[in-house]
Amino acid sequence: MKLASKMYRLGTESAFKVLAQAQALEAKGMSVVHLEIGEPDFITPLNIRDAAYKAMNNGYTHYSNSQGIIPLRKEIAKGMGEKVGASIDPDRIIVTPGAKPIMFYAIIALLEEGDEAIYPDPGFPIYESMITFTGAKAVPAPLREELEFRLDVGELESLITPRTRLIILNSPQNPTGSMLSESDIRRIAELAKKHDIIIFSDEVYDQIVYNGTPFSIASLPGMLDRTILLNGFSKTYAMTGWRLGYAVMPKELVEPVNKLIVNSVSCTPTFIQYAGIEALTGPQDSIPVMVEEFRKRRDMVVDGLNHIKGISCVMPKGAFYVFPNIKKLGMTSDQAFNYFLNKAGVATLAGTSFGKYGEGYLRLSYATSQENLKKALERMNKAVASLGR
């Protein structure tokens, strides 16, 4: 079968490939600690689960408004309005089955051949994949350890050309756990206005923060109308499998994106949207409990990695990932990933899974128990010691 040429431009996520490799080793009897998958290991709060059951039992099992049910869009608009300090019309809210479709639809709606889009590297691999899929040019903006993996705004400006249509931001960030400062974001906003560029701001980790408070670019004057503000329920409410995401869109993008929804998934399951309403309006006490546990795990992992000869790790400010430097081990990222998986039984991801500037690093997710993390660190330390370096 001959595939369309554009299919060869699509990338993927390595986490699921590595999961399959790790499971194959487990099937042969090997013990593996899984640090490759990026999802909270907490169960969805009971009140949210109960709301879904109730909605199903009340008959909310049919099609919904393709843009999202109005009660949920009103609650999202209220919360996002409080976040950015502005009144947001619920008609500007798009609800989708997970946050990824927002990336897919927005990038397809905005970019075409000859356009350029700037994205963070290392960064979530779907950014580059979708930009390239449209035929546009994906322009990586390096995130460097010496800046704690924040964007260098001066370098970002040098990447802008007359063809630049989109800049993608992600703060707190996957895979590094870094956060842009308010000063960074203000400067980026000025660049966007100066060059008439749309901002795609991925803020799905905005509630999982350990140092400071995330600053949204959409809160700045004039930026709400040129920002696609992405968020979702997966990380904050441990709802990855529920597939429920949303965005605040510039008015001109709402109808085009809604058309893409109608042409693809039709709508988001109604009973899951009612669970989303409960997530936003019900008790929020599960969030600080989860974040505090993530903080303890983060501190344990960073300290443990920094005590392994040849590995160093900066302290992330948000999300639930660390991005340790493994250059002194004398291995590439791929070699180190394979070594720790097959020698130590620790599944990580190569930094290059997130872009070429991830070379020399690994990504570890600490969204697992402290017991598992301790075991992983002990195994990695022993594996490095056996190298004799």
Protein backbone atom coordinates (compact mmCIF):
# COMPACT_ATOMS: atom_id res chain seq x y z
CA MET A 1 0.00 0.00 0.00
CA LYS A 2 1.32 3.40 -0.96
CA LEU A 3 0.92 6.03 1.75
CA ALA A 4 0.56 9.75 1.17
CA SER A 5 3.97 11.44 1.33
CA LYS A 6 2.88 13.66 4.23
CA MET A 7 2.58 10.58 6.46
CA TYR A 8 6.35 10.23 6.40
CA ARG A 9 6.63 13.68 7.94
CA LEU A 10 4.82 12.61 11.12
CA GLY A 11 6.88 11.88 14.20
CA THR A 12 5.79 10.07 17.34
CA GLU A 13 6.32 9.83 21.09
CA SER A 14 9.16 7.56 22.21
CA ALA A 15 7.67 6.93 25.65
CA PHE A 16 5.25 4.31 24.34
CA LYS A 17 7.96 2.61 22.27
CA VAL A 18 10.19 2.41 25.33
CA LEU A 19 7.29 1.10 27.41
CA ALA A 20 6.92 -1.76 24.91
CA GLN A 21 10.65 -2.50 25.11
CA ALA A 22 10.54 -2.52 28.90
CA GLN A 23 7.51 -4.79 28.94
CA ALA A 24 9.28 -7.21 26.59
CA LEU A 25 12.14 -7.43 29.08
CA GLU A 26 9.67 -7.97 31.92
CA ALA A 27 8.06 -10.79 29.95
CA LYS A 28 11.49 -12.48 29.98
CA GLY A 29 11.63 -12.18 33.77
CA MET A 30 13.61 -8.94 34.16
CA SER A 31 12.57 -6.44 36.82
CA VAL A 32 12.14 -2.95 35.36
CA VAL A 33 11.47 0.37 37.11
CA HIS A 34 9.35 2.51 34.80
CA LEU A 35 10.45 6.16 34.63
CA GLU A 36 9.53 6.64 30.96
CA ILE A 37 5.80 7.38 31.05
CA GLY A 38 4.74 10.91 31.96
CA GLU A 39 1.49 10.64 33.85
CA PRO A 40 0.49 11.06 37.51
CA ASP A 41 0.40 7.73 39.34
CA PHE A 42 -2.49 8.97 41.49
CA ILE A 43 -6.05 7.78 40.95
CA THR A 44 -8.62 10.27 39.68
CA PRO A 45 -10.39 11.80 42.74
CA LEU A 46 -13.56 9.98 43.79
CA ASN A 47 -15.88 12.98 43.34
CA ILE A 48 -14.84 13.22 39.67
CA ARG A 49 -15.36 9.51 39.07
CA ASP A 50 -18.75 9.68 40.77
CA ALA A 51 -19.76 12.63 38.58
CA ALA A 52 -19.05 10.57 35.45
CA TYR A 53 -21.13 7.64 36.74
CA LYS A 54 -23.97 9.98 37.61
CA ALA A 55 -23.87 11.64 34.19
CA MET A 56 -23.96 8.27 32.43
CA ASN A 57 -26.85 7.10 34.56
CA ASN A 58 -28.68 10.34 33.78
CA GLY A 59 -28.44 9.63 30.06
CA TYR A 60 -25.54 11.88 29.07
CA THR A 61 -24.20 9.25 26.68
CA HIS A 62 -25.07 10.91 23.36
CA TYR A 63 -23.48 13.46 21.05
CA SER A 64 -22.75 16.88 22.47
CA ASN A 65 -22.02 20.30 21.02
CA SER A 66 -18.85 19.75 18.99
CA GLN A 67 -17.24 22.74 20.68
CA GLY A 68 -18.02 21.40 24.17
CA ILE A 69 -21.09 21.57 26.40
CA ILE A 70 -21.94 25.11 27.49
CA PRO A 71 -21.84 24.43 31.28
CA LEU A 72 -18.27 23.16 31.03
CA ARG A 73 -17.19 25.99 28.73
CA LYS A 74 -18.62 28.49 31.21
CA GLU A 75 -16.60 26.98 34.07
CA ILE A 76 -13.43 26.89 31.97
CA ALA A 77 -13.98 30.50 30.90
CA LYS A 78 -14.45 31.52 34.53
CA GLY A 79 -11.25 29.78 35.66
CA MET A 80 -9.16 30.97 32.74
CA GLY A 81 -10.52 34.48 33.18
CA GLU A 82 -9.34 34.51 36.79
CA LYS A 83 -5.97 33.20 35.69
CA VAL A 84 -5.31 35.86 33.07
CA GLY A 85 -7.20 38.68 34.75
CA ALA A 86 -9.76 39.22 31.99
CA SER A 87 -13.34 38.34 31.16
CA ILE A 88 -13.42 35.42 28.72
CA ASP A 89 -16.42 34.60 26.56
CA PRO A 90 -17.31 30.87 26.79
CA ASP A 91 -17.69 30.97 23.00
CA ARG A 92 -13.88 31.23 22.84
CA ILE A 93 -13.46 27.89 24.61
CA ILE A 94 -12.85 24.69 22.63
CA VAL A 95 -13.15 21.31 24.41
CA THR A 96 -11.46 18.25 22.88
CA PRO A 97 -10.69 14.59 23.71
CA GLY A 98 -7.37 15.37 25.38
CA ALA A 99 -5.05 18.33 24.87
CA LYS A 100 -3.18 16.92 21.85
CA PRO A 101 -6.06 17.58 19.42
CA ILE A 102 -5.76 21.30 20.22
CA MET A 103 -2.14 21.19 19.00
CA PHE A 104 -3.18 19.21 15.94
CA TYR A 105 -6.10 21.44 14.97
CA ALA A 106 -4.48 24.80 15.71
CA ILE A 107 -1.29 24.01 13.82
CA ILE A 108 -3.21 22.64 10.84
CA ALA A 109 -5.48 25.70 10.82
CA LEU A 110 -2.61 28.19 10.96
CA LEU A 111 0.32 26.78 8.99
CA GLU A 112 0.96 25.88 5.38
CA GLU A 113 3.96 25.26 3.15
CA GLY A 114 6.43 28.11 3.26
CA ASP A 115 5.45 29.18 6.78
CA GLU A 116 7.73 28.80 9.79
CA ALA A 117 6.98 27.97 13.41
CA ILE A 118 9.38 28.14 16.35
CA TYR A 119 9.18 25.50 19.05
CA PRO A 120 11.25 24.65 22.17
CA ASP A 121 14.00 22.01 21.80
CA PRO A 122 14.17 19.83 23.84
CA GLY A 123 10.38 19.88 23.86
CA PHE A 124 7.24 17.81 23.55
CA PRO A 125 7.84 15.92 20.27
CA ILE A 126 4.35 16.47 18.87
CA TYR A 127 5.12 20.17 18.32
CA GLU A 128 7.80 19.48 15.71
CA SER A 129 5.86 16.55 14.28
CA MET A 130 2.72 18.57 13.59
CA ILE A 131 4.57 21.59 12.21
CA THR A 132 6.43 19.37 9.75
CA PHE A 133 3.25 17.49 8.86
CA THR A 134 1.68 20.71 7.55
CA GLY A 135 4.65 21.28 5.24
CA ALA A 136 5.81 24.29 7.25
CA LYS A 137 9.37 24.63 8.51
CA ALA A 138 9.92 23.63 12.15
CA VAL A 139 12.51 25.97 13.71
CA PRO A 140 13.98 24.74 17.02
CA ALA A 141 14.66 27.25 19.80
CA PRO A 142 17.38 25.67 21.99
CA LEU A 143 16.79 25.29 25.72
CA ARG A 144 20.19 25.18 27.41
CA GLU A 145 21.19 23.94 30.83
CA GLU A 146 23.16 27.10 31.63
CA LEU A 147 19.85 29.01 31.50
CA GLU A 148 18.09 26.30 33.54
CA PHE A 149 16.50 25.20 30.25
CA ARG A 150 14.66 28.50 29.74
CA LEU A 151 14.40 30.09 26.32
CA ASP A 152 17.10 32.61 25.48
CA VAL A 153 14.82 35.41 24.30
CA GLY A 154 17.61 37.11 22.37
CA GLU A 155 18.29 33.91 20.47
CA LEU A 156 14.55 33.42 19.95
CA GLU A 157 14.36 36.84 18.31
CA SER A 158 17.20 35.92 15.95
CA LEU A 159 15.15 32.94 14.72
CA ILE A 160 12.19 35.09 13.66
CA THR A 161 11.84 35.72 9.93
CA PRO A 162 9.09 37.30 7.80
CA ARG A 163 7.69 33.75 7.41
CA THR A 164 7.34 33.08 11.15
CA ARG A 165 3.66 32.61 11.96
CA LEU A 166 3.72 30.76 15.28
CA ILE A 167 5.82 30.51 18.45
CA ILE A 168 5.15 27.60 20.79
CA LEU A 169 5.77 28.02 24.51
CA ASN A 170 5.55 25.38 27.22
CA SER A 171 5.92 26.48 30.84
CA PRO A 172 6.23 24.54 33.14
CA GLN A 173 8.00 22.44 30.57
CA ASN A 174 8.20 18.86 29.41
CA PRO A 175 10.86 17.36 29.43
CA THR A 176 13.04 19.64 31.55
CA GLY A 177 10.68 20.91 34.26
CA SER A 178 11.83 24.47 33.57
CA MET A 179 9.69 27.61 33.85
CA LEU A 180 9.88 30.85 31.91
CA SER A 181 10.24 33.94 34.07
CA GLU A 182 7.75 36.79 33.90
CA SER A 183 10.49 38.91 32.33
CA ASP A 184 11.04 36.27 29.63
CA ILE A 185 7.34 36.12 28.85
CA ARG A 186 6.94 39.89 28.67
CA ARG A 187 9.79 40.11 26.17
CA ILE A 188 8.33 37.27 24.08
CA ALA A 189 4.96 39.05 24.03
CA GLU A 190 6.61 42.18 22.66
CA LEU A 191 8.24 40.12 19.91
CA ALA A 192 4.89 38.55 19.04
CA LYS A 193 3.23 41.94 18.71
CA LYS A 194 6.14 43.48 16.83
CA HIS A 195 6.26 40.69 14.24
CA ASP A 196 2.52 39.86 14.21
CA ILE A 197 3.03 36.28 15.42
CA ILE A 198 0.52 33.95 17.08
CA ILE A 199 1.58 32.35 20.38
CA PHE A 200 0.68 28.78 21.27
CA SER A 201 1.06 28.56 25.05
CA ASP A 202 0.95 25.01 26.42
CA GLU A 203 0.20 25.38 30.14
CA VAL A 204 -0.99 21.87 31.03
CA TYR A 205 1.43 21.67 33.98
CA ASP A 206 0.47 25.05 35.46
CA GLN A 207 -0.78 23.53 38.73
CA ILE A 208 2.29 21.34 39.28
CA VAL A 209 4.75 24.00 40.39
CA TYR A 210 7.34 24.06 43.21
CA ASN A 211 9.02 27.45 42.88
CA GLY A 212 7.11 30.63 42.14
CA THR A 213 3.85 31.05 40.25
CA PRO A 214 3.48 30.46 36.49
CA PHE A 215 2.89 33.63 34.51
CA SER A 216 0.65 33.30 31.48
CA ILE A 217 1.44 35.30 28.37
CA ALA A 218 -2.32 35.63 27.78
CA SER A 219 -2.55 37.89 30.82
CA LEU A 220 -0.59 40.67 29.09
CA PRO A 221 -2.36 43.52 27.26
CA GLY A 222 -3.33 42.55 23.72
CA MET A 223 -2.09 38.97 24.02
CA LEU A 224 -5.37 37.16 24.65
CA ASP A 225 -6.33 37.86 21.04
CA ARG A 226 -3.12 36.40 19.64
CA THR A 227 -2.66 33.46 22.03
CA ILE A 228 -3.92 29.88 21.89
CA LEU A 229 -3.98 29.03 25.60
CA LEU A 230 -3.86 25.25 26.03
CA ASN A 231 -4.74 23.38 29.20
CA GLY A 232 -6.44 20.17 30.29
CA PHE A 233 -7.44 17.83 33.08
CA SER A 234 -4.90 15.03 32.61
CA LYS A 235 -2.08 16.28 34.84
CA THR A 236 -3.85 18.39 37.45
CA TYR A 237 -6.60 15.89 38.20
CA ALA A 238 -4.81 12.64 37.28
CA MET A 239 -7.21 12.14 34.36
CA THR A 240 -4.85 11.09 31.56
CA GLY A 241 -7.06 8.22 30.39
CA TRP A 242 -10.21 10.33 30.40
CA ARG A 243 -8.94 12.40 27.45
CA LEU A 244 -10.26 15.84 28.28
CA GLY A 245 -8.49 19.00 27.16
CA TYR A 246 -9.40 22.55 26.23
CA ALA A 247 -8.13 25.85 24.94
CA VAL A 248 -8.96 29.53 24.95
CA MET A 249 -8.82 30.57 21.30
CA PRO A 250 -8.59 33.87 19.46
CA LYS A 251 -12.10 34.50 18.10
CA GLU A 252 -11.01 34.03 14.48
CA LEU A 253 -9.78 30.50 15.19
CA VAL A 254 -12.86 29.13 16.93
CA GLU A 255 -14.92 28.31 13.84
CA PRO A 256 -12.04 26.83 11.79
CA VAL A 257 -10.99 24.61 14.70
CA ASN A 258 -14.59 23.61 15.34
CA LYS A 259 -14.84 22.52 11.69
CA LEU A 260 -11.81 20.30 12.18
CA ILE A 261 -13.47 18.74 15.23
CA VAL A 262 -16.65 18.03 13.25
CA ASN A 263 -14.57 16.46 10.48
CA SER A 264 -12.59 14.24 12.83
CA VAL A 265 -13.90 13.28 16.30
CA SER A 266 -17.35 14.96 16.17
CA CYS A 267 -17.31 15.82 19.88
CA THR A 268 -15.94 14.96 23.30
CA PRO A 269 -17.94 12.35 25.30
CA THR A 270 -20.64 14.19 27.21
CA PHE A 271 -20.40 12.31 30.50
CA ILE A 272 -16.66 12.98 30.62
CA GLN A 273 -17.36 16.69 30.19
CA TYR A 274 -19.67 16.54 33.20
CA ALA A 275 -16.83 14.94 35.15
CA GLY A 276 -14.75 17.92 34.04
CA ILE A 277 -17.29 20.30 35.54
CA GLU A 278 -17.00 18.46 38.86
CA ALA A 279 -13.20 18.59 38.64
CA LEU A 280 -13.30 22.39 38.30
CA THR A 281 -16.08 23.13 40.79
CA GLY A 282 -15.59 20.36 43.37
CA PRO A 283 -12.96 20.04 46.14
CA GLN A 284 -9.46 20.99 45.07
CA ASP A 285 -7.64 19.49 48.05
CA SER A 286 -6.19 16.59 46.03
CA ILE A 287 -3.97 18.98 44.03
CA PRO A 288 -1.70 20.30 46.82
CA VAL A 289 -1.41 16.78 48.25
CA MET A 290 -0.26 15.45 44.89
CA VAL A 291 2.12 18.37 44.29
CA GLU A 292 3.69 18.01 47.73
CA GLU A 293 4.34 14.32 47.08
CA PHE A 294 5.86 15.21 43.70
CA ARG A 295 8.09 17.76 45.48
CA LYS A 296 9.43 15.08 47.83
CA ARG A 297 10.09 12.76 44.90
CA ARG A 298 11.75 15.52 42.90
CA ASP A 299 14.12 16.36 45.76
CA MET A 300 14.97 12.68 46.25
CA VAL A 301 15.67 12.10 42.55
CA VAL A 302 17.75 15.24 42.01
CA ASP A 303 19.83 14.54 45.11
CA GLY A 304 20.27 10.89 44.11
CA LEU A 305 21.29 11.68 40.54
CA ASN A 306 23.80 14.30 41.68
CA HIS A 307 25.47 11.63 43.83
CA ILE A 308 26.04 9.33 40.83
CA LYS A 309 29.50 9.83 39.33
CA GLY A 310 29.29 11.31 35.86
CA ILE A 311 25.68 12.51 36.19
CA SER A 312 24.45 15.97 37.19
CA CYS A 313 20.93 17.35 37.40
CA VAL A 314 19.48 20.83 37.81
CA MET A 315 16.45 21.29 40.04
CA PRO A 316 13.22 21.52 38.00
CA LYS A 317 10.64 24.13 38.99
CA GLY A 318 7.52 22.38 37.75
CA ALA A 319 5.94 19.31 36.10
CA PHE A 320 7.22 15.87 37.21
CA TYR A 321 10.35 15.33 35.13
CA VAL A 322 14.09 15.65 35.62
CA PHE A 323 16.53 16.08 32.73
CA PRO A 324 19.94 14.94 33.98
CA ASN A 325 23.19 15.60 32.13
CA ILE A 326 24.96 12.31 31.32
CA LYS A 327 27.73 13.65 29.05
CA LYS A 328 30.53 12.67 31.46
CA LEU A 329 29.51 9.02 31.15
CA GLY A 330 31.02 9.05 27.68
CA MET A 331 27.81 7.85 26.05
CA THR A 332 25.27 9.35 23.72
CA SER A 333 21.73 9.75 25.01
CA ASP A 334 20.61 6.67 23.09
CA GLN A 335 23.50 4.62 24.42
CA ALA A 336 22.82 5.70 28.00
CA PHE A 337 19.10 4.98 27.67
CA ASN A 338 19.82 1.47 26.34
CA TYR A 339 22.49 0.84 28.97
CA PHE A 340 20.25 1.74 31.92
CA LEU A 341 17.32 -0.23 30.51
CA ASN A 342 19.20 -3.42 29.69
CA LYS A 343 21.93 -3.30 32.34
CA ALA A 344 20.05 -1.77 35.28
CA GLY A 345 16.40 -2.42 34.54
CA VAL A 346 15.55 1.30 34.62
CA ALA A 347 13.41 2.64 31.77
CA THR A 348 14.18 6.27 30.92
CA LEU A 349 13.97 8.28 27.70
CA ALA A 350 16.88 9.56 25.63
CA GLY A 351 17.05 13.34 25.60
CA THR A 352 17.08 13.20 21.81
CA SER A 353 13.52 11.86 21.93
CA PHE A 354 12.67 15.52 22.55
CA GLY A 355 14.88 17.07 19.86
CA LYS A 356 18.49 17.34 18.79
CA TYR A 357 19.37 19.70 21.64
CA GLY A 358 18.48 16.91 24.07
CA GLU A 359 21.70 15.10 23.19
CA GLY A 360 23.71 14.39 26.33
CA TYR A 361 20.64 14.12 28.56
CA LEU A 362 17.99 11.66 29.73
CA ARG A 363 14.43 12.31 30.81
CA LEU A 364 13.17 10.60 33.93
CA SER A 365 9.58 10.87 35.13
CA TYR A 366 9.26 10.79 38.93
CA ALA A 367 5.52 10.12 38.75
CA THR A 368 6.01 6.84 40.60
CA SER A 369 6.46 5.82 44.23
CA GLN A 370 9.41 6.89 46.35
CA GLU A 371 10.20 3.19 46.77
CA ASN A 372 10.48 2.75 43.01
CA LEU A 373 12.58 5.90 42.67
CA LYS A 374 14.97 4.73 45.38
CA LYS A 375 15.31 1.39 43.61
CA ALA A 376 15.96 3.11 40.26
CA LEU A 377 18.66 5.37 41.73
CA GLU A 378 20.40 2.43 43.39
CA ARG A 379 20.36 0.47 40.15
CA MET A 380 21.65 3.41 38.09
CA ASN A 381 24.44 4.08 40.59
CA LYS A 382 25.51 0.43 40.51
CA ALA A 383 25.38 0.36 36.70
CA VAL A 384 27.56 3.48 36.44
CA ALA A 385 30.03 2.10 38.99
CA SER A 386 30.40 -1.05 36.87
CA LEU A 387 31.63 1.11 33.97
CA GLY A 388 34.82 1.66 35.96
CA ARG A 389 35.10 5.34 35.02
